[in-house]
Amino acid sequence: MVYYEPPQAPRLSLLEPAVPGDHVWVAVAAFRVQPESLRGKSSDQINLDRENLATITTGCYVCEEPWSEYLSYRKCKGDPSERN
């Protein structure tokens, strides 16, 4: 079983634009998990592997627009102060 304890404080500094108007591109993966493995009751269930990967998508964390090459050249229209 794969168990991950997240850090106590989120690393939100990684999600801040380096320069105002920059996009913050992120990749988000969604895995299908079973409640038994989340409860720690199933030792043979591996959650974060290829068989359980449902989707991976990319987009800007600030403006919430999906990745496109065109958008990657444009300024981000989102407001990072609204994300926190």
PDB file of N, CA and C in Angstrom:
ATOM      1  N   MET A   1       0.844  -1.173   0.000  1.00  0.00           N
ATOM      2  CA  MET A   1       0.000   0.000   0.000  1.00  0.00           C
ATOM      3  C   MET A   1       0.890   1.237   0.000  1.00  0.00           C
ATOM      4  N   VAL A   2       0.532   2.207  -0.808  1.00  0.00           N
ATOM      5  CA  VAL A   2       1.247   3.478  -0.849  1.00  0.00           C
ATOM      6  C   VAL A   2       0.506   4.452   0.047  1.00  0.00           C
ATOM      7  N   TYR A   3       1.208   4.982   1.024  1.00  0.00           N
ATOM      8  CA  TYR A   3       0.604   5.941   1.936  1.00  0.00           C
ATOM      9  C   TYR A   3       1.445   7.195   1.907  1.00  0.00           C
ATOM     10  N   TYR A   4       0.813   8.325   1.721  1.00  0.00           N
ATOM     11  CA  TYR A   4       1.519   9.598   1.647  1.00  0.00           C
ATOM     12  C   TYR A   4       0.941  10.556   2.667  1.00  0.00           C
ATOM     13  N   GLU A   5       1.759  11.022   3.557  1.00  0.00           N
ATOM     14  CA  GLU A   5       1.354  12.021   4.537  1.00  0.00           C
ATOM     15  C   GLU A   5       1.756  13.386   3.984  1.00  0.00           C
ATOM     16  N   PRO A   6       0.782  14.252   3.653  1.00  0.00           N
ATOM     17  CA  PRO A   6       1.138  15.553   3.091  1.00  0.00           C
ATOM     18  C   PRO A   6       1.885  16.404   4.105  1.00  0.00           C
ATOM     19  N   PRO A   7       2.696  17.339   3.629  1.00  0.00           N
ATOM     20  CA  PRO A   7       3.385  18.226   4.566  1.00  0.00           C
ATOM     21  C   PRO A   7       2.369  19.030   5.368  1.00  0.00           C
ATOM     22  N   GLN A   8       2.775  19.462   6.531  1.00  0.00           N
ATOM     23  CA  GLN A   8       1.861  20.202   7.409  1.00  0.00           C
ATOM     24  C   GLN A   8       1.364  21.486   6.746  1.00  0.00           C
ATOM     25  N   ALA A   9       2.252  22.219   6.118  1.00  0.00           N
ATOM     26  CA  ALA A   9       1.868  23.461   5.450  1.00  0.00           C
ATOM     27  C   ALA A   9       1.993  23.268   3.938  1.00  0.00           C
ATOM     28  N   PRO A  10       0.942  23.587   3.192  1.00  0.00           N
ATOM     29  CA  PRO A  10       1.060  23.466   1.738  1.00  0.00           C
ATOM     30  C   PRO A  10       2.165  24.381   1.220  1.00  0.00           C
ATOM     31  N   ARG A  11       2.802  23.944   0.154  1.00  0.00           N
ATOM     32  CA  ARG A  11       3.885  24.736  -0.431  1.00  0.00           C
ATOM     33  C   ARG A  11       3.294  25.715  -1.448  1.00  0.00           C
ATOM     34  N   LEU A  12       2.473  26.624  -0.949  1.00  0.00           N
ATOM     35  CA  LEU A  12       1.779  27.568  -1.815  1.00  0.00           C
ATOM     36  C   LEU A  12       2.731  28.500  -2.553  1.00  0.00           C
ATOM     37  N   SER A  13       3.935  28.690  -2.038  1.00  0.00           N
ATOM     38  CA  SER A  13       4.888  29.559  -2.719  1.00  0.00           C
ATOM     39  C   SER A  13       5.227  29.028  -4.113  1.00  0.00           C
ATOM     40  N   LEU A  14       5.126  27.713  -4.307  1.00  0.00           N
ATOM     41  CA  LEU A  14       5.372  27.145  -5.632  1.00  0.00           C
ATOM     42  C   LEU A  14       4.277  27.514  -6.621  1.00  0.00           C
ATOM     43  N   LEU A  15       3.135  27.941  -6.129  1.00  0.00           N
ATOM     44  CA  LEU A  15       2.007  28.261  -6.986  1.00  0.00           C
ATOM     45  C   LEU A  15       1.838  29.752  -7.221  1.00  0.00           C
ATOM     46  N   GLU A  16       2.817  30.531  -6.792  1.00  0.00           N
ATOM     47  CA  GLU A  16       2.801  31.976  -7.035  1.00  0.00           C
ATOM     48  C   GLU A  16       3.497  32.268  -8.360  1.00  0.00           C
ATOM     49  N   PRO A  17       2.934  33.175  -9.177  1.00  0.00           N
ATOM     50  CA  PRO A  17       3.621  33.539 -10.418  1.00  0.00           C
ATOM     51  C   PRO A  17       4.960  34.207 -10.113  1.00  0.00           C
ATOM     52  N   ALA A  18       5.978  33.891 -10.908  1.00  0.00           N
ATOM     53  CA  ALA A  18       7.294  34.505 -10.719  1.00  0.00           C
ATOM     54  C   ALA A  18       7.230  36.000 -11.032  1.00  0.00           C
ATOM     55  N   VAL A  19       6.434  36.334 -12.021  1.00  0.00           N
ATOM     56  CA  VAL A  19       6.254  37.719 -12.459  1.00  0.00           C
ATOM     57  C   VAL A  19       4.749  37.945 -12.606  1.00  0.00           C
ATOM     58  N   PRO A  20       4.230  39.098 -12.185  1.00  0.00           N
ATOM     59  CA  PRO A  20       2.799  39.344 -12.386  1.00  0.00           C
ATOM     60  C   PRO A  20       2.411  39.157 -13.861  1.00  0.00           C
ATOM     61  N   GLY A  21       1.325  38.452 -14.083  1.00  0.00           N
ATOM     62  CA  GLY A  21       0.878  38.183 -15.448  1.00  0.00           C
ATOM     63  C   GLY A  21       1.368  36.868 -16.007  1.00  0.00           C
ATOM     64  N   ASP A  22       2.285  36.203 -15.300  1.00  0.00           N
ATOM     65  CA  ASP A  22       2.750  34.885 -15.739  1.00  0.00           C
ATOM     66  C   ASP A  22       1.710  33.823 -15.381  1.00  0.00           C
ATOM     67  N   HIS A  23       1.557  32.853 -16.268  1.00  0.00           N
ATOM     68  CA  HIS A  23       0.733  31.699 -15.948  1.00  0.00           C
ATOM     69  C   HIS A  23       1.504  30.793 -14.986  1.00  0.00           C
ATOM     70  N   VAL A  24       0.791  30.055 -14.178  1.00  0.00           N
ATOM     71  CA  VAL A  24       1.375  29.035 -13.305  1.00  0.00           C
ATOM     72  C   VAL A  24       0.821  27.707 -13.807  1.00  0.00           C
ATOM     73  N   TRP A  25       1.571  27.067 -14.700  1.00  0.00           N
ATOM     74  CA  TRP A  25       1.107  25.820 -15.322  1.00  0.00           C
ATOM     75  C   TRP A  25       1.287  24.670 -14.353  1.00  0.00           C
ATOM     76  N   VAL A  26       0.239  23.888 -14.185  1.00  0.00           N
ATOM     77  CA  VAL A  26       0.275  22.726 -13.304  1.00  0.00           C
ATOM     78  C   VAL A  26      -0.292  21.521 -14.043  1.00  0.00           C
ATOM     79  N   ALA A  27       0.162  20.356 -13.653  1.00  0.00           N
ATOM     80  CA  ALA A  27      -0.401  19.101 -14.153  1.00  0.00           C
ATOM     81  C   ALA A  27      -1.076  18.417 -12.974  1.00  0.00           C
ATOM     82  N   VAL A  28      -2.306  18.006 -13.170  1.00  0.00           N
ATOM     83  CA  VAL A  28      -3.089  17.388 -12.115  1.00  0.00           C
ATOM     84  C   VAL A  28      -3.448  15.974 -12.542  1.00  0.00           C
ATOM     85  N   ALA A  29      -3.138  15.022 -11.689  1.00  0.00           N
ATOM     86  CA  ALA A  29      -3.455  13.620 -11.973  1.00  0.00           C
ATOM     87  C   ALA A  29      -4.571  13.165 -11.047  1.00  0.00           C
ATOM     88  N   ALA A  30      -5.510  12.415 -11.601  1.00  0.00           N
ATOM     89  CA  ALA A  30      -6.605  11.843 -10.797  1.00  0.00           C
ATOM     90  C   ALA A  30      -6.486  10.324 -10.835  1.00  0.00           C
ATOM     91  N   PHE A  31      -6.494   9.703  -9.658  1.00  0.00           N
ATOM     92  CA  PHE A  31      -6.385   8.254  -9.521  1.00  0.00           C
ATOM     93  C   PHE A  31      -7.672   7.701  -8.933  1.00  0.00           C
ATOM     94  N   ARG A  32      -8.090   6.566  -9.402  1.00  0.00           N
ATOM     95  CA  ARG A  32      -9.225   5.852  -8.804  1.00  0.00           C
ATOM     96  C   ARG A  32      -8.695   5.091  -7.593  1.00  0.00           C
ATOM     97  N   VAL A  33      -9.310   5.309  -6.447  1.00  0.00           N
ATOM     98  CA  VAL A  33      -8.886   4.641  -5.223  1.00  0.00           C
ATOM     99  C   VAL A  33     -10.090   3.964  -4.575  1.00  0.00           C
ATOM    100  N   GLN A  34      -9.822   2.918  -3.817  1.00  0.00           N
ATOM    101  CA  GLN A  34     -10.860   2.173  -3.112  1.00  0.00           C
ATOM    102  C   GLN A  34     -10.888   2.609  -1.651  1.00  0.00           C
ATOM    103  N   PRO A  35     -12.065   2.683  -1.056  1.00  0.00           N
ATOM    104  CA  PRO A  35     -12.140   3.129   0.340  1.00  0.00           C
ATOM    105  C   PRO A  35     -11.374   2.222   1.298  1.00  0.00           C
ATOM    106  N   GLU A  36     -11.304   0.924   0.999  1.00  0.00           N
ATOM    107  CA  GLU A  36     -10.575   0.013   1.883  1.00  0.00           C
ATOM    108  C   GLU A  36      -9.097   0.377   1.975  1.00  0.00           C
ATOM    109  N   SER A  37      -8.518   0.753   0.842  1.00  0.00           N
ATOM    110  CA  SER A  37      -7.108   1.106   0.873  1.00  0.00           C
ATOM    111  C   SER A  37      -6.889   2.447   1.568  1.00  0.00           C
ATOM    112  N   LEU A  38      -7.819   3.361   1.430  1.00  0.00           N
ATOM    113  CA  LEU A  38      -7.700   4.644   2.129  1.00  0.00           C
ATOM    114  C   LEU A  38      -7.844   4.476   3.633  1.00  0.00           C
ATOM    115  N   ARG A  39      -8.627   3.493   4.034  1.00  0.00           N
ATOM    116  CA  ARG A  39      -8.783   3.204   5.464  1.00  0.00           C
ATOM    117  C   ARG A  39      -7.603   2.410   6.014  1.00  0.00           C
ATOM    118  N   GLY A  40      -6.709   1.963   5.132  1.00  0.00           N
ATOM    119  CA  GLY A  40      -5.570   1.159   5.563  1.00  0.00           C
ATOM    120  C   GLY A  40      -5.931  -0.286   5.793  1.00  0.00           C
ATOM    121  N   LYS A  41      -7.051  -0.754   5.234  1.00  0.00           N
ATOM    122  CA  LYS A  41      -7.523  -2.119   5.458  1.00  0.00           C
ATOM    123  C   LYS A  41      -7.065  -3.090   4.373  1.00  0.00           C
ATOM    124  N   SER A  42      -6.536  -2.588   3.280  1.00  0.00           N
ATOM    125  CA  SER A  42      -6.148  -3.457   2.169  1.00  0.00           C
ATOM    126  C   SER A  42      -4.665  -3.277   1.887  1.00  0.00           C
ATOM    127  N   SER A  43      -3.891  -4.308   2.143  1.00  0.00           N
ATOM    128  CA  SER A  43      -2.444  -4.197   1.937  1.00  0.00           C
ATOM    129  C   SER A  43      -2.032  -4.475   0.494  1.00  0.00           C
ATOM    130  N   ASP A  44      -2.921  -5.029  -0.317  1.00  0.00           N
ATOM    131  CA  ASP A  44      -2.552  -5.351  -1.687  1.00  0.00           C
ATOM    132  C   ASP A  44      -3.009  -4.286  -2.687  1.00  0.00           C
ATOM    133  N   GLN A  45      -3.651  -3.238  -2.227  1.00  0.00           N
ATOM    134  CA  GLN A  45      -4.128  -2.185  -3.118  1.00  0.00           C
ATOM    135  C   GLN A  45      -3.062  -1.099  -3.241  1.00  0.00           C
ATOM    136  N   ILE A  46      -2.600  -0.869  -4.455  1.00  0.00           N
ATOM    137  CA  ILE A  46      -1.670   0.228  -4.726  1.00  0.00           C
ATOM    138  C   ILE A  46      -2.458   1.298  -5.455  1.00  0.00           C
ATOM    139  N   ASN A  47      -2.469   2.501  -4.913  1.00  0.00           N
ATOM    140  CA  ASN A  47      -3.325   3.553  -5.451  1.00  0.00           C
ATOM    141  C   ASN A  47      -2.687   4.371  -6.563  1.00  0.00           C
ATOM    142  N   LEU A  48      -1.470   4.787  -6.387  1.00  0.00           N
ATOM    143  CA  LEU A  48      -0.877   5.742  -7.317  1.00  0.00           C
ATOM    144  C   LEU A  48      -0.019   5.035  -8.356  1.00  0.00           C
ATOM    145  N   ASP A  49      -0.658   4.207  -9.175  1.00  0.00           N
ATOM    146  CA  ASP A  49       0.066   3.503 -10.226  1.00  0.00           C
ATOM    147  C   ASP A  49      -0.687   3.641 -11.550  1.00  0.00           C
ATOM    148  N   ARG A  50      -0.114   3.126 -12.598  1.00  0.00           N
ATOM    149  CA  ARG A  50      -0.665   3.265 -13.942  1.00  0.00           C
ATOM    150  C   ARG A  50      -2.061   2.661 -14.074  1.00  0.00           C
ATOM    151  N   GLU A  51      -2.313   1.556 -13.410  1.00  0.00           N
ATOM    152  CA  GLU A  51      -3.606   0.906 -13.525  1.00  0.00           C
ATOM    153  C   GLU A  51      -4.746   1.734 -12.923  1.00  0.00           C
ATOM    154  N   ASN A  52      -4.440   2.583 -11.960  1.00  0.00           N
ATOM    155  CA  ASN A  52      -5.472   3.382 -11.301  1.00  0.00           C
ATOM    156  C   ASN A  52      -5.530   4.824 -11.798  1.00  0.00           C
ATOM    157  N   LEU A  53      -4.643   5.192 -12.721  1.00  0.00           N
ATOM    158  CA  LEU A  53      -4.612   6.559 -13.230  1.00  0.00           C
ATOM    159  C   LEU A  53      -5.807   6.797 -14.140  1.00  0.00           C
ATOM    160  N   ALA A  54      -6.673   7.733 -13.767  1.00  0.00           N
ATOM    161  CA  ALA A  54      -7.869   8.025 -14.557  1.00  0.00           C
ATOM    162  C   ALA A  54      -7.598   9.094 -15.609  1.00  0.00           C
ATOM    163  N   THR A  55      -6.904  10.152 -15.222  1.00  0.00           N
ATOM    164  CA  THR A  55      -6.635  11.235 -16.172  1.00  0.00           C
ATOM    165  C   THR A  55      -5.505  12.120 -15.664  1.00  0.00           C
ATOM    166  N   ILE A  56      -4.863  12.782 -16.588  1.00  0.00           N
ATOM    167  CA  ILE A  56      -3.907  13.845 -16.277  1.00  0.00           C
ATOM    168  C   ILE A  56      -4.304  15.029 -17.139  1.00  0.00           C
ATOM    169  N   THR A  57      -4.418  16.178 -16.529  1.00  0.00           N
ATOM    170  CA  THR A  57      -4.762  17.376 -17.282  1.00  0.00           C
ATOM    171  C   THR A  57      -3.812  18.498 -16.883  1.00  0.00           C
ATOM    172  N   THR A  58      -3.612  19.439 -17.759  1.00  0.00           N
ATOM    173  CA  THR A  58      -2.736  20.574 -17.480  1.00  0.00           C
ATOM    174  C   THR A  58      -3.517  21.862 -17.667  1.00  0.00           C
ATOM    175  N   GLY A  59      -3.177  22.848 -16.867  1.00  0.00           N
ATOM    176  CA  GLY A  59      -3.831  24.143 -16.959  1.00  0.00           C
ATOM    177  C   GLY A  59      -3.149  25.136 -16.055  1.00  0.00           C
ATOM    178  N   CYS A  60      -3.637  26.360 -16.089  1.00  0.00           N
ATOM    179  CA  CYS A  60      -3.074  27.420 -15.261  1.00  0.00           C
ATOM    180  C   CYS A  60      -3.774  27.436 -13.914  1.00  0.00           C
ATOM    181  N   TYR A  61      -3.002  27.390 -12.864  1.00  0.00           N
ATOM    182  CA  TYR A  61      -3.543  27.402 -11.497  1.00  0.00           C
ATOM    183  C   TYR A  61      -4.228  28.730 -11.190  1.00  0.00           C
ATOM    184  N   VAL A  62      -3.762  29.818 -11.797  1.00  0.00           N
ATOM    185  CA  VAL A  62      -4.278  31.153 -11.467  1.00  0.00           C
ATOM    186  C   VAL A  62      -5.566  31.466 -12.239  1.00  0.00           C
ATOM    187  N   CYS A  63      -5.538  31.356 -13.567  1.00  0.00           N
ATOM    188  CA  CYS A  63      -6.720  31.732 -14.358  1.00  0.00           C
ATOM    189  C   CYS A  63      -7.633  30.545 -14.659  1.00  0.00           C
ATOM    190  N   GLU A  64      -7.182  29.343 -14.325  1.00  0.00           N
ATOM    191  CA  GLU A  64      -7.955  28.117 -14.475  1.00  0.00           C
ATOM    192  C   GLU A  64      -8.292  27.788 -15.935  1.00  0.00           C
ATOM    193  N   GLU A  65      -7.497  28.278 -16.862  1.00  0.00           N
ATOM    194  CA  GLU A  65      -7.669  27.944 -18.277  1.00  0.00           C
ATOM    195  C   GLU A  65      -6.849  26.706 -18.600  1.00  0.00           C
ATOM    196  N   PRO A  66      -7.363  25.830 -19.469  1.00  0.00           N
ATOM    197  CA  PRO A  66      -6.573  24.665 -19.863  1.00  0.00           C
ATOM    198  C   PRO A  66      -5.384  25.079 -20.724  1.00  0.00           C
ATOM    199  N   TRP A  67      -4.341  24.256 -20.693  1.00  0.00           N
ATOM    200  CA  TRP A  67      -3.130  24.519 -21.468  1.00  0.00           C
ATOM    201  C   TRP A  67      -3.446  24.611 -22.953  1.00  0.00           C
ATOM    202  N   SER A  68      -2.857  25.600 -23.600  1.00  0.00           N
ATOM    203  CA  SER A  68      -2.817  25.662 -25.057  1.00  0.00           C
ATOM    204  C   SER A  68      -1.553  26.428 -25.414  1.00  0.00           C
ATOM    205  N   GLU A  69      -0.974  26.095 -26.539  1.00  0.00           N
ATOM    206  CA  GLU A  69       0.240  26.797 -26.940  1.00  0.00           C
ATOM    207  C   GLU A  69      -0.044  28.286 -27.116  1.00  0.00           C
ATOM    208  N   TYR A  70      -1.184  28.588 -27.712  1.00  0.00           N
ATOM    209  CA  TYR A  70      -1.570  29.993 -27.898  1.00  0.00           C
ATOM    210  C   TYR A  70      -1.604  30.722 -26.558  1.00  0.00           C
ATOM    211  N   LEU A  71      -2.287  30.139 -25.570  1.00  0.00           N
ATOM    212  CA  LEU A  71      -2.416  30.772 -24.257  1.00  0.00           C
ATOM    213  C   LEU A  71      -1.068  30.904 -23.558  1.00  0.00           C
ATOM    214  N   SER A  72      -0.149  30.007 -23.855  1.00  0.00           N
ATOM    215  CA  SER A  72       1.159  30.059 -23.192  1.00  0.00           C
ATOM    216  C   SER A  72       1.953  31.313 -23.568  1.00  0.00           C
ATOM    217  N   TYR A  73       1.593  31.944 -24.666  1.00  0.00           N
ATOM    218  CA  TYR A  73       2.255  33.193 -25.078  1.00  0.00           C
ATOM    219  C   TYR A  73       1.519  34.429 -24.574  1.00  0.00           C
ATOM    220  N   ARG A  74       0.334  34.259 -24.060  1.00  0.00           N
ATOM    221  CA  ARG A  74      -0.493  35.380 -23.596  1.00  0.00           C
ATOM    222  C   ARG A  74      -0.282  35.608 -22.097  1.00  0.00           C
ATOM    223  N   LYS A  75      -0.580  36.833 -21.652  1.00  0.00           N
ATOM    224  CA  LYS A  75      -0.523  37.123 -20.218  1.00  0.00           C
ATOM    225  C   LYS A  75      -1.676  36.421 -19.513  1.00  0.00           C
ATOM    226  N   CYS A  76      -1.428  36.019 -18.292  1.00  0.00           N
ATOM    227  CA  CYS A  76      -2.458  35.399 -17.464  1.00  0.00           C
ATOM    228  C   CYS A  76      -3.411  36.495 -16.987  1.00  0.00           C
ATOM    229  N   LYS A  77      -4.709  36.250 -17.163  1.00  0.00           N
ATOM    230  CA  LYS A  77      -5.711  37.242 -16.762  1.00  0.00           C
ATOM    231  C   LYS A  77      -6.270  36.970 -15.375  1.00  0.00           C
ATOM    232  N   GLY A  78      -5.745  35.958 -14.705  1.00  0.00           N
ATOM    233  CA  GLY A  78      -6.221  35.643 -13.372  1.00  0.00           C
ATOM    234  C   GLY A  78      -5.580  36.529 -12.311  1.00  0.00           C
ATOM    235  N   ASP A  79      -6.170  36.534 -11.152  1.00  0.00           N
ATOM    236  CA  ASP A  79      -5.655  37.302 -10.015  1.00  0.00           C
ATOM    237  C   ASP A  79      -5.161  36.326  -8.955  1.00  0.00           C
ATOM    238  N   PRO A  80      -3.833  36.223  -8.787  1.00  0.00           N
ATOM    239  CA  PRO A  80      -3.307  35.231  -7.829  1.00  0.00           C
ATOM    240  C   PRO A  80      -3.753  35.471  -6.386  1.00  0.00           C
ATOM    241  N   SER A  81      -4.100  36.691  -6.040  1.00  0.00           N
ATOM    242  CA  SER A  81      -4.533  36.963  -4.656  1.00  0.00           C
ATOM    243  C   SER A  81      -5.880  36.299  -4.362  1.00  0.00           C
ATOM    244  N   GLU A  82      -6.657  35.986  -5.390  1.00  0.00           N
ATOM    245  CA  GLU A  82      -7.950  35.330  -5.198  1.00  0.00           C
ATOM    246  C   GLU A  82      -7.782  33.825  -4.966  1.00  0.00           C
ATOM    247  N   ARG A  83      -6.616  33.245  -5.219  1.00  0.00           N
ATOM    248  CA  ARG A  83      -6.393  31.815  -5.085  1.00  0.00           C
ATOM    249  C   ARG A  83      -6.176  31.414  -3.634  1.00  0.00           C
ATOM    250  N   ASN A  84      -5.733  32.306  -2.785  1.00  0.00           N
ATOM    251  CA  ASN A  84      -5.383  31.935  -1.415  1.00  0.00           C
ATOM    252  C   ASN A  84      -6.523  32.073  -0.529  1.00  0.00           C
TER     253      ASN A  84
END
